[in-house]
Amino acid sequence: MAITIEEAILAINPDAEFTCSPADNTYEHIIWRFETPPIAKADVEAKIVELQTAKDAEATQNATDKANAKAKLIAGEALTEAE
């Protein structure tokens, strides 16, 4: 699942108040509310890439841990906490 604009904005400013249609999910349709200072489009886009990279790395690590756990169980070895 892809990182949304909403997730990126809240990662930059957890107190941000804004609206953005989930169906649209484009920067141009963000409405900043209650004097929340707008976050630059480039900053939001960079945060999306950063969060997606971290999410993908976590998914890859989880798959690796699962594969390692299976191999260790078959071999009768002890598992690590992550596995």
PDB file of N, CA and C in Angstrom:
ATOM      1  N   MET A   1       0.835  -1.175   0.000  1.00  0.00           N
ATOM      2  CA  MET A   1       0.000   0.000   0.000  1.00  0.00           C
ATOM      3  C   MET A   1       0.885   1.245   0.000  1.00  0.00           C
ATOM      4  N   ALA A   2       0.546   2.187  -0.828  1.00  0.00           N
ATOM      5  CA  ALA A   2       1.354   3.393  -0.974  1.00  0.00           C
ATOM      6  C   ALA A   2       1.090   4.387   0.157  1.00  0.00           C
ATOM      7  N   ILE A   3       2.111   5.145   0.478  1.00  0.00           N
ATOM      8  CA  ILE A   3       2.001   6.204   1.478  1.00  0.00           C
ATOM      9  C   ILE A   3       1.147   7.326   0.889  1.00  0.00           C
ATOM     10  N   THR A   4       0.253   7.859   1.688  1.00  0.00           N
ATOM     11  CA  THR A   4      -0.633   8.929   1.225  1.00  0.00           C
ATOM     12  C   THR A   4      -0.065  10.300   1.572  1.00  0.00           C
ATOM     13  N   ILE A   5      -0.622  11.304   0.929  1.00  0.00           N
ATOM     14  CA  ILE A   5      -0.252  12.686   1.242  1.00  0.00           C
ATOM     15  C   ILE A   5      -0.550  12.980   2.714  1.00  0.00           C
ATOM     16  N   GLU A   6      -1.679  12.480   3.187  1.00  0.00           N
ATOM     17  CA  GLU A   6      -2.060  12.715   4.577  1.00  0.00           C
ATOM     18  C   GLU A   6      -1.010  12.167   5.547  1.00  0.00           C
ATOM     19  N   GLU A   7      -0.535  10.952   5.280  1.00  0.00           N
ATOM     20  CA  GLU A   7       0.486  10.347   6.142  1.00  0.00           C
ATOM     21  C   GLU A   7       1.771  11.173   6.130  1.00  0.00           C
ATOM     22  N   ALA A   8       2.150  11.655   4.956  1.00  0.00           N
ATOM     23  CA  ALA A   8       3.376  12.449   4.843  1.00  0.00           C
ATOM     24  C   ALA A   8       3.247  13.771   5.592  1.00  0.00           C
ATOM     25  N   ILE A   9       2.123  14.445   5.410  1.00  0.00           N
ATOM     26  CA  ILE A   9       1.919  15.727   6.095  1.00  0.00           C
ATOM     27  C   ILE A   9       1.969  15.532   7.599  1.00  0.00           C
ATOM     28  N   LEU A  10       1.276  14.522   8.101  1.00  0.00           N
ATOM     29  CA  LEU A  10       1.252  14.291   9.544  1.00  0.00           C
ATOM     30  C   LEU A  10       2.602  13.820  10.085  1.00  0.00           C
ATOM     31  N   ALA A  11       3.403  13.198   9.247  1.00  0.00           N
ATOM     32  CA  ALA A  11       4.758  12.826   9.668  1.00  0.00           C
ATOM     33  C   ALA A  11       5.636  14.070   9.799  1.00  0.00           C
ATOM     34  N   ILE A  12       5.386  15.058   8.950  1.00  0.00           N
ATOM     35  CA  ILE A  12       6.136  16.318   9.019  1.00  0.00           C
ATOM     36  C   ILE A  12       5.627  17.183  10.167  1.00  0.00           C
ATOM     37  N   ASN A  13       4.303  17.307  10.261  1.00  0.00           N
ATOM     38  CA  ASN A  13       3.684  18.145  11.294  1.00  0.00           C
ATOM     39  C   ASN A  13       2.479  17.403  11.872  1.00  0.00           C
ATOM     40  N   PRO A  14       2.671  16.707  12.997  1.00  0.00           N
ATOM     41  CA  PRO A  14       1.577  15.930  13.588  1.00  0.00           C
ATOM     42  C   PRO A  14       0.365  16.772  13.989  1.00  0.00           C
ATOM     43  N   ASP A  15       0.553  18.080  14.138  1.00  0.00           N
ATOM     44  CA  ASP A  15      -0.536  18.963  14.538  1.00  0.00           C
ATOM     45  C   ASP A  15      -1.217  19.641  13.355  1.00  0.00           C
ATOM     46  N   ALA A  16      -0.799  19.314  12.137  1.00  0.00           N
ATOM     47  CA  ALA A  16      -1.365  19.962  10.948  1.00  0.00           C
ATOM     48  C   ALA A  16      -2.857  19.680  10.850  1.00  0.00           C
ATOM     49  N   GLU A  17      -3.597  20.696  10.480  1.00  0.00           N
ATOM     50  CA  GLU A  17      -5.034  20.552  10.248  1.00  0.00           C
ATOM     51  C   GLU A  17      -5.297  20.914   8.795  1.00  0.00           C
ATOM     52  N   PHE A  18      -5.862  19.957   8.068  1.00  0.00           N
ATOM     53  CA  PHE A  18      -6.058  20.118   6.632  1.00  0.00           C
ATOM     54  C   PHE A  18      -7.093  19.124   6.157  1.00  0.00           C
ATOM     55  N   THR A  19      -7.554  19.332   4.952  1.00  0.00           N
ATOM     56  CA  THR A  19      -8.402  18.337   4.307  1.00  0.00           C
ATOM     57  C   THR A  19      -7.822  18.037   2.934  1.00  0.00           C
ATOM     58  N   CYS A  20      -8.013  16.808   2.535  1.00  0.00           N
ATOM     59  CA  CYS A  20      -7.566  16.354   1.220  1.00  0.00           C
ATOM     60  C   CYS A  20      -8.364  15.110   0.899  1.00  0.00           C
ATOM     61  N   SER A  21      -8.995  15.106  -0.228  1.00  0.00           N
ATOM     62  CA  SER A  21      -9.821  13.966  -0.609  1.00  0.00           C
ATOM     63  C   SER A  21      -8.954  12.731  -0.813  1.00  0.00           C
ATOM     64  N   PRO A  22      -9.241  11.634  -0.104  1.00  0.00           N
ATOM     65  CA  PRO A  22      -8.468  10.400  -0.301  1.00  0.00           C
ATOM     66  C   PRO A  22      -8.563   9.879  -1.737  1.00  0.00           C
ATOM     67  N   ALA A  23      -9.688  10.134  -2.376  1.00  0.00           N
ATOM     68  CA  ALA A  23      -9.852   9.673  -3.754  1.00  0.00           C
ATOM     69  C   ALA A  23      -8.950  10.453  -4.704  1.00  0.00           C
ATOM     70  N   ASP A  24      -8.715  11.715  -4.372  1.00  0.00           N
ATOM     71  CA  ASP A  24      -7.894  12.579  -5.223  1.00  0.00           C
ATOM     72  C   ASP A  24      -6.420  12.446  -4.855  1.00  0.00           C
ATOM     73  N   ASN A  25      -6.121  12.650  -3.567  1.00  0.00           N
ATOM     74  CA  ASN A  25      -4.772  12.480  -3.028  1.00  0.00           C
ATOM     75  C   ASN A  25      -3.704  13.247  -3.813  1.00  0.00           C
ATOM     76  N   THR A  26      -4.019  14.499  -4.181  1.00  0.00           N
ATOM     77  CA  THR A  26      -3.028  15.345  -4.838  1.00  0.00           C
ATOM     78  C   THR A  26      -2.773  16.586  -3.997  1.00  0.00           C
ATOM     79  N   TYR A  27      -1.559  17.083  -4.074  1.00  0.00           N
ATOM     80  CA  TYR A  27      -1.156  18.241  -3.287  1.00  0.00           C
ATOM     81  C   TYR A  27      -2.015  19.461  -3.608  1.00  0.00           C
ATOM     82  N   GLU A  28      -2.363  19.606  -4.863  1.00  0.00           N
ATOM     83  CA  GLU A  28      -3.096  20.793  -5.296  1.00  0.00           C
ATOM     84  C   GLU A  28      -4.482  20.906  -4.661  1.00  0.00           C
ATOM     85  N   HIS A  29      -5.014  19.825  -4.139  1.00  0.00           N
ATOM     86  CA  HIS A  29      -6.353  19.847  -3.543  1.00  0.00           C
ATOM     87  C   HIS A  29      -6.343  19.862  -2.013  1.00  0.00           C
ATOM     88  N   ILE A  30      -5.185  20.128  -1.423  1.00  0.00           N
ATOM     89  CA  ILE A  30      -5.101  20.247   0.034  1.00  0.00           C
ATOM     90  C   ILE A  30      -5.682  21.599   0.441  1.00  0.00           C
ATOM     91  N   ILE A  31      -6.487  21.587   1.467  1.00  0.00           N
ATOM     92  CA  ILE A  31      -6.994  22.820   2.065  1.00  0.00           C
ATOM     93  C   ILE A  31      -6.424  22.880   3.474  1.00  0.00           C
ATOM     94  N   TRP A  32      -5.566  23.862   3.697  1.00  0.00           N
ATOM     95  CA  TRP A  32      -4.941  24.025   5.011  1.00  0.00           C
ATOM     96  C   TRP A  32      -5.930  24.725   5.926  1.00  0.00           C
ATOM     97  N   ARG A  33      -6.102  24.223   7.117  1.00  0.00           N
ATOM     98  CA  ARG A  33      -7.118  24.724   8.046  1.00  0.00           C
ATOM     99  C   ARG A  33      -6.493  25.318   9.312  1.00  0.00           C
ATOM    100  N   PHE A  34      -7.253  26.215   9.919  1.00  0.00           N
ATOM    101  CA  PHE A  34      -6.943  26.770  11.232  1.00  0.00           C
ATOM    102  C   PHE A  34      -5.501  27.258  11.353  1.00  0.00           C
ATOM    103  N   GLU A  35      -5.105  28.040  10.391  1.00  0.00           N
ATOM    104  CA  GLU A  35      -3.791  28.683  10.382  1.00  0.00           C
ATOM    105  C   GLU A  35      -2.618  27.708  10.385  1.00  0.00           C
ATOM    106  N   THR A  36      -2.858  26.490   9.939  1.00  0.00           N
ATOM    107  CA  THR A  36      -1.746  25.558   9.767  1.00  0.00           C
ATOM    108  C   THR A  36      -0.885  26.083   8.627  1.00  0.00           C
ATOM    109  N   PRO A  37       0.410  26.294   8.882  1.00  0.00           N
ATOM    110  CA  PRO A  37       1.257  26.782   7.796  1.00  0.00           C
ATOM    111  C   PRO A  37       1.397  25.707   6.711  1.00  0.00           C
ATOM    112  N   PRO A  38       1.191  26.084   5.452  1.00  0.00           N
ATOM    113  CA  PRO A  38       1.330  25.105   4.370  1.00  0.00           C
ATOM    114  C   PRO A  38       2.740  24.513   4.333  1.00  0.00           C
ATOM    115  N   ILE A  39       2.799  23.255   3.994  1.00  0.00           N
ATOM    116  CA  ILE A  39       4.082  22.569   3.827  1.00  0.00           C
ATOM    117  C   ILE A  39       4.353  22.510   2.338  1.00  0.00           C
ATOM    118  N   ALA A  40       5.562  22.829   1.944  1.00  0.00           N
ATOM    119  CA  ALA A  40       5.922  22.876   0.527  1.00  0.00           C
ATOM    120  C   ALA A  40       5.695  21.515  -0.144  1.00  0.00           C
ATOM    121  N   LYS A  41       5.242  21.567  -1.367  1.00  0.00           N
ATOM    122  CA  LYS A  41       4.973  20.343  -2.133  1.00  0.00           C
ATOM    123  C   LYS A  41       6.205  19.450  -2.190  1.00  0.00           C
ATOM    124  N   ALA A  42       7.375  20.049  -2.413  1.00  0.00           N
ATOM    125  CA  ALA A  42       8.621  19.273  -2.499  1.00  0.00           C
ATOM    126  C   ALA A  42       8.907  18.551  -1.184  1.00  0.00           C
ATOM    127  N   ASP A  43       8.598  19.202  -0.057  1.00  0.00           N
ATOM    128  CA  ASP A  43       8.816  18.570   1.245  1.00  0.00           C
ATOM    129  C   ASP A  43       7.876  17.392   1.451  1.00  0.00           C
ATOM    130  N   VAL A  44       6.621  17.559   1.036  1.00  0.00           N
ATOM    131  CA  VAL A  44       5.645  16.471   1.155  1.00  0.00           C
ATOM    132  C   VAL A  44       6.062  15.301   0.264  1.00  0.00           C
ATOM    133  N   GLU A  45       6.456  15.604  -0.966  1.00  0.00           N
ATOM    134  CA  GLU A  45       6.879  14.540  -1.887  1.00  0.00           C
ATOM    135  C   GLU A  45       8.110  13.806  -1.366  1.00  0.00           C
ATOM    136  N   ALA A  46       9.057  14.546  -0.793  1.00  0.00           N
ATOM    137  CA  ALA A  46      10.263  13.919  -0.236  1.00  0.00           C
ATOM    138  C   ALA A  46       9.902  13.021   0.943  1.00  0.00           C
ATOM    139  N   LYS A  47       8.959  13.462   1.772  1.00  0.00           N
ATOM    140  CA  LYS A  47       8.547  12.656   2.930  1.00  0.00           C
ATOM    141  C   LYS A  47       7.828  11.391   2.479  1.00  0.00           C
ATOM    142  N   ILE A  48       7.034  11.481   1.403  1.00  0.00           N
ATOM    143  CA  ILE A  48       6.372  10.293   0.862  1.00  0.00           C
ATOM    144  C   ILE A  48       7.417   9.261   0.445  1.00  0.00           C
ATOM    145  N   VAL A  49       8.444   9.706  -0.257  1.00  0.00           N
ATOM    146  CA  VAL A  49       9.507   8.791  -0.694  1.00  0.00           C
ATOM    147  C   VAL A  49      10.207   8.190   0.520  1.00  0.00           C
ATOM    148  N   GLU A  50      10.519   9.011   1.507  1.00  0.00           N
ATOM    149  CA  GLU A  50      11.200   8.534   2.715  1.00  0.00           C
ATOM    150  C   GLU A  50      10.359   7.483   3.450  1.00  0.00           C
ATOM    151  N   LEU A  51       9.077   7.782   3.649  1.00  0.00           N
ATOM    152  CA  LEU A  51       8.207   6.850   4.361  1.00  0.00           C
ATOM    153  C   LEU A  51       7.985   5.562   3.573  1.00  0.00           C
ATOM    154  N   GLN A  52       7.855   5.675   2.239  1.00  0.00           N
ATOM    155  CA  GLN A  52       7.646   4.485   1.422  1.00  0.00           C
ATOM    156  C   GLN A  52       8.888   3.600   1.438  1.00  0.00           C
ATOM    157  N   THR A  53      10.059   4.216   1.396  1.00  0.00           N
ATOM    158  CA  THR A  53      11.311   3.465   1.452  1.00  0.00           C
ATOM    159  C   THR A  53      11.409   2.704   2.773  1.00  0.00           C
ATOM    160  N   ALA A  54      11.070   3.370   3.870  1.00  0.00           N
ATOM    161  CA  ALA A  54      11.114   2.722   5.178  1.00  0.00           C
ATOM    162  C   ALA A  54      10.095   1.585   5.263  1.00  0.00           C
ATOM    163  N   LYS A  55       8.904   1.820   4.730  1.00  0.00           N
ATOM    164  CA  LYS A  55       7.858   0.793   4.751  1.00  0.00           C
ATOM    165  C   LYS A  55       8.270  -0.422   3.922  1.00  0.00           C
ATOM    166  N   ASP A  56       8.847  -0.176   2.750  1.00  0.00           N
ATOM    167  CA  ASP A  56       9.307  -1.270   1.897  1.00  0.00           C
ATOM    168  C   ASP A  56      10.436  -2.052   2.561  1.00  0.00           C
ATOM    169  N   ALA A  57      11.355  -1.335   3.210  1.00  0.00           N
ATOM    170  CA  ALA A  57      12.465  -2.002   3.897  1.00  0.00           C
ATOM    171  C   ALA A  57      11.947  -2.860   5.044  1.00  0.00           C
ATOM    172  N   GLU A  58      10.945  -2.362   5.761  1.00  0.00           N
ATOM    173  CA  GLU A  58      10.359  -3.137   6.862  1.00  0.00           C
ATOM    174  C   GLU A  58       9.680  -4.403   6.335  1.00  0.00           C
ATOM    175  N   ALA A  59       8.972  -4.278   5.217  1.00  0.00           N
ATOM    176  CA  ALA A  59       8.310  -5.444   4.625  1.00  0.00           C
ATOM    177  C   ALA A  59       9.344  -6.480   4.176  1.00  0.00           C
ATOM    178  N   THR A  60      10.428  -6.004   3.585  1.00  0.00           N
ATOM    179  CA  THR A  60      11.498  -6.905   3.151  1.00  0.00           C
ATOM    180  C   THR A  60      12.128  -7.604   4.346  1.00  0.00           C
ATOM    181  N   GLN A  61      12.375  -6.848   5.421  1.00  0.00           N
ATOM    182  CA  GLN A  61      12.974  -7.432   6.624  1.00  0.00           C
ATOM    183  C   GLN A  61      12.047  -8.465   7.242  1.00  0.00           C
ATOM    184  N   ASN A  62      10.745  -8.158   7.275  1.00  0.00           N
ATOM    185  CA  ASN A  62       9.782  -9.118   7.825  1.00  0.00           C
ATOM    186  C   ASN A  62       9.774 -10.416   7.025  1.00  0.00           C
ATOM    187  N   ALA A  63       9.839 -10.303   5.704  1.00  0.00           N
ATOM    188  CA  ALA A  63       9.865 -11.497   4.855  1.00  0.00           C
ATOM    189  C   ALA A  63      11.148 -12.296   5.099  1.00  0.00           C
ATOM    190  N   THR A  64      12.264 -11.597   5.257  1.00  0.00           N
ATOM    191  CA  THR A  64      13.538 -12.257   5.533  1.00  0.00           C
ATOM    192  C   THR A  64      13.490 -12.965   6.885  1.00  0.00           C
ATOM    193  N   ASP A  65      12.953 -12.271   7.898  1.00  0.00           N
ATOM    194  CA  ASP A  65      12.842 -12.877   9.229  1.00  0.00           C
ATOM    195  C   ASP A  65      11.971 -14.128   9.191  1.00  0.00           C
ATOM    196  N   LYS A  66      10.888 -14.068   8.457  1.00  0.00           N
ATOM    197  CA  LYS A  66       9.992 -15.223   8.355  1.00  0.00           C
ATOM    198  C   LYS A  66      10.698 -16.398   7.682  1.00  0.00           C
ATOM    199  N   ALA A  67      11.423 -16.113   6.601  1.00  0.00           N
ATOM    200  CA  ALA A  67      12.144 -17.174   5.908  1.00  0.00           C
ATOM    201  C   ALA A  67      13.231 -17.769   6.796  1.00  0.00           C
ATOM    202  N   ASN A  68      13.951 -16.904   7.537  1.00  0.00           N
ATOM    203  CA  ASN A  68      14.984 -17.383   8.446  1.00  0.00           C
ATOM    204  C   ASN A  68      14.389 -18.229   9.562  1.00  0.00           C
ATOM    205  N   ALA A  69      13.249 -17.797  10.082  1.00  0.00           N
ATOM    206  CA  ALA A  69      12.594 -18.543  11.152  1.00  0.00           C
ATOM    207  C   ALA A  69      12.194 -19.931  10.678  1.00  0.00           C
ATOM    208  N   LYS A  70      11.636 -19.987   9.481  1.00  0.00           N
ATOM    209  CA  LYS A  70      11.224 -21.283   8.932  1.00  0.00           C
ATOM    210  C   LYS A  70      12.426 -22.204   8.790  1.00  0.00           C
ATOM    211  N   ALA A  71      13.517 -21.674   8.238  1.00  0.00           N
ATOM    212  CA  ALA A  71      14.723 -22.486   8.043  1.00  0.00           C
ATOM    213  C   ALA A  71      15.275 -22.969   9.384  1.00  0.00           C
ATOM    214  N   LYS A  72      15.271 -22.085  10.390  1.00  0.00           N
ATOM    215  CA  LYS A  72      15.784 -22.468  11.703  1.00  0.00           C
ATOM    216  C   LYS A  72      14.889 -23.506  12.376  1.00  0.00           C
ATOM    217  N   LEU A  73      13.583 -23.346  12.235  1.00  0.00           N
ATOM    218  CA  LEU A  73      12.671 -24.338  12.822  1.00  0.00           C
ATOM    219  C   LEU A  73      12.882 -25.706  12.196  1.00  0.00           C
ATOM    220  N   ILE A  74      13.046 -25.725  10.902  1.00  0.00           N
ATOM    221  CA  ILE A  74      13.295 -26.992  10.210  1.00  0.00           C
ATOM    222  C   ILE A  74      14.602 -27.617  10.680  1.00  0.00           C
ATOM    223  N   ALA A  75      15.603 -26.750  10.913  1.00  0.00           N
ATOM    224  CA  ALA A  75      16.912 -27.242  11.354  1.00  0.00           C
ATOM    225  C   ALA A  75      16.979 -27.464  12.870  1.00  0.00           C
ATOM    226  N   GLY A  76      15.932 -27.080  13.585  1.00  0.00           N
ATOM    227  CA  GLY A  76      15.926 -27.265  15.036  1.00  0.00           C
ATOM    228  C   GLY A  76      16.740 -26.241  15.783  1.00  0.00           C
ATOM    229  N   GLU A  77      16.991 -25.095  15.184  1.00  0.00           N
ATOM    230  CA  GLU A  77      17.775 -24.037  15.829  1.00  0.00           C
ATOM    231  C   GLU A  77      16.857 -23.068  16.570  1.00  0.00           C
ATOM    232  N   ALA A  78      17.439 -22.298  17.497  1.00  0.00           N
ATOM    233  CA  ALA A  78      16.689 -21.299  18.246  1.00  0.00           C
ATOM    234  C   ALA A  78      16.411 -20.082  17.372  1.00  0.00           C
ATOM    235  N   LEU A  79      15.268 -19.448  17.632  1.00  0.00           N
ATOM    236  CA  LEU A  79      14.877 -18.268  16.865  1.00  0.00           C
ATOM    237  C   LEU A  79      15.299 -16.995  17.607  1.00  0.00           C
ATOM    238  N   THR A  80      15.491 -15.918  16.835  1.00  0.00           N
ATOM    239  CA  THR A  80      15.705 -14.609  17.447  1.00  0.00           C
ATOM    240  C   THR A  80      14.335 -14.019  17.743  1.00  0.00           C
ATOM    241  N   GLU A  81      14.298 -12.943  18.513  1.00  0.00           N
ATOM    242  CA  GLU A  81      13.016 -12.304  18.841  1.00  0.00           C
ATOM    243  C   GLU A  81      12.321 -11.784  17.584  1.00  0.00           C
ATOM    244  N   ALA A  82      13.069 -11.261  16.614  1.00  0.00           N
ATOM    245  CA  ALA A  82      12.476 -10.727  15.381  1.00  0.00           C
ATOM    246  C   ALA A  82      11.847 -11.823  14.536  1.00  0.00           C
ATOM    247  N   GLU A  83      12.412 -13.008  14.628  1.00  0.00           N
ATOM    248  CA  GLU A  83      11.913 -14.114  13.824  1.00  0.00           C
ATOM    249  C   GLU A  83      10.651 -14.685  14.436  1.00  0.00           C
TER     250      GLU A  83
END
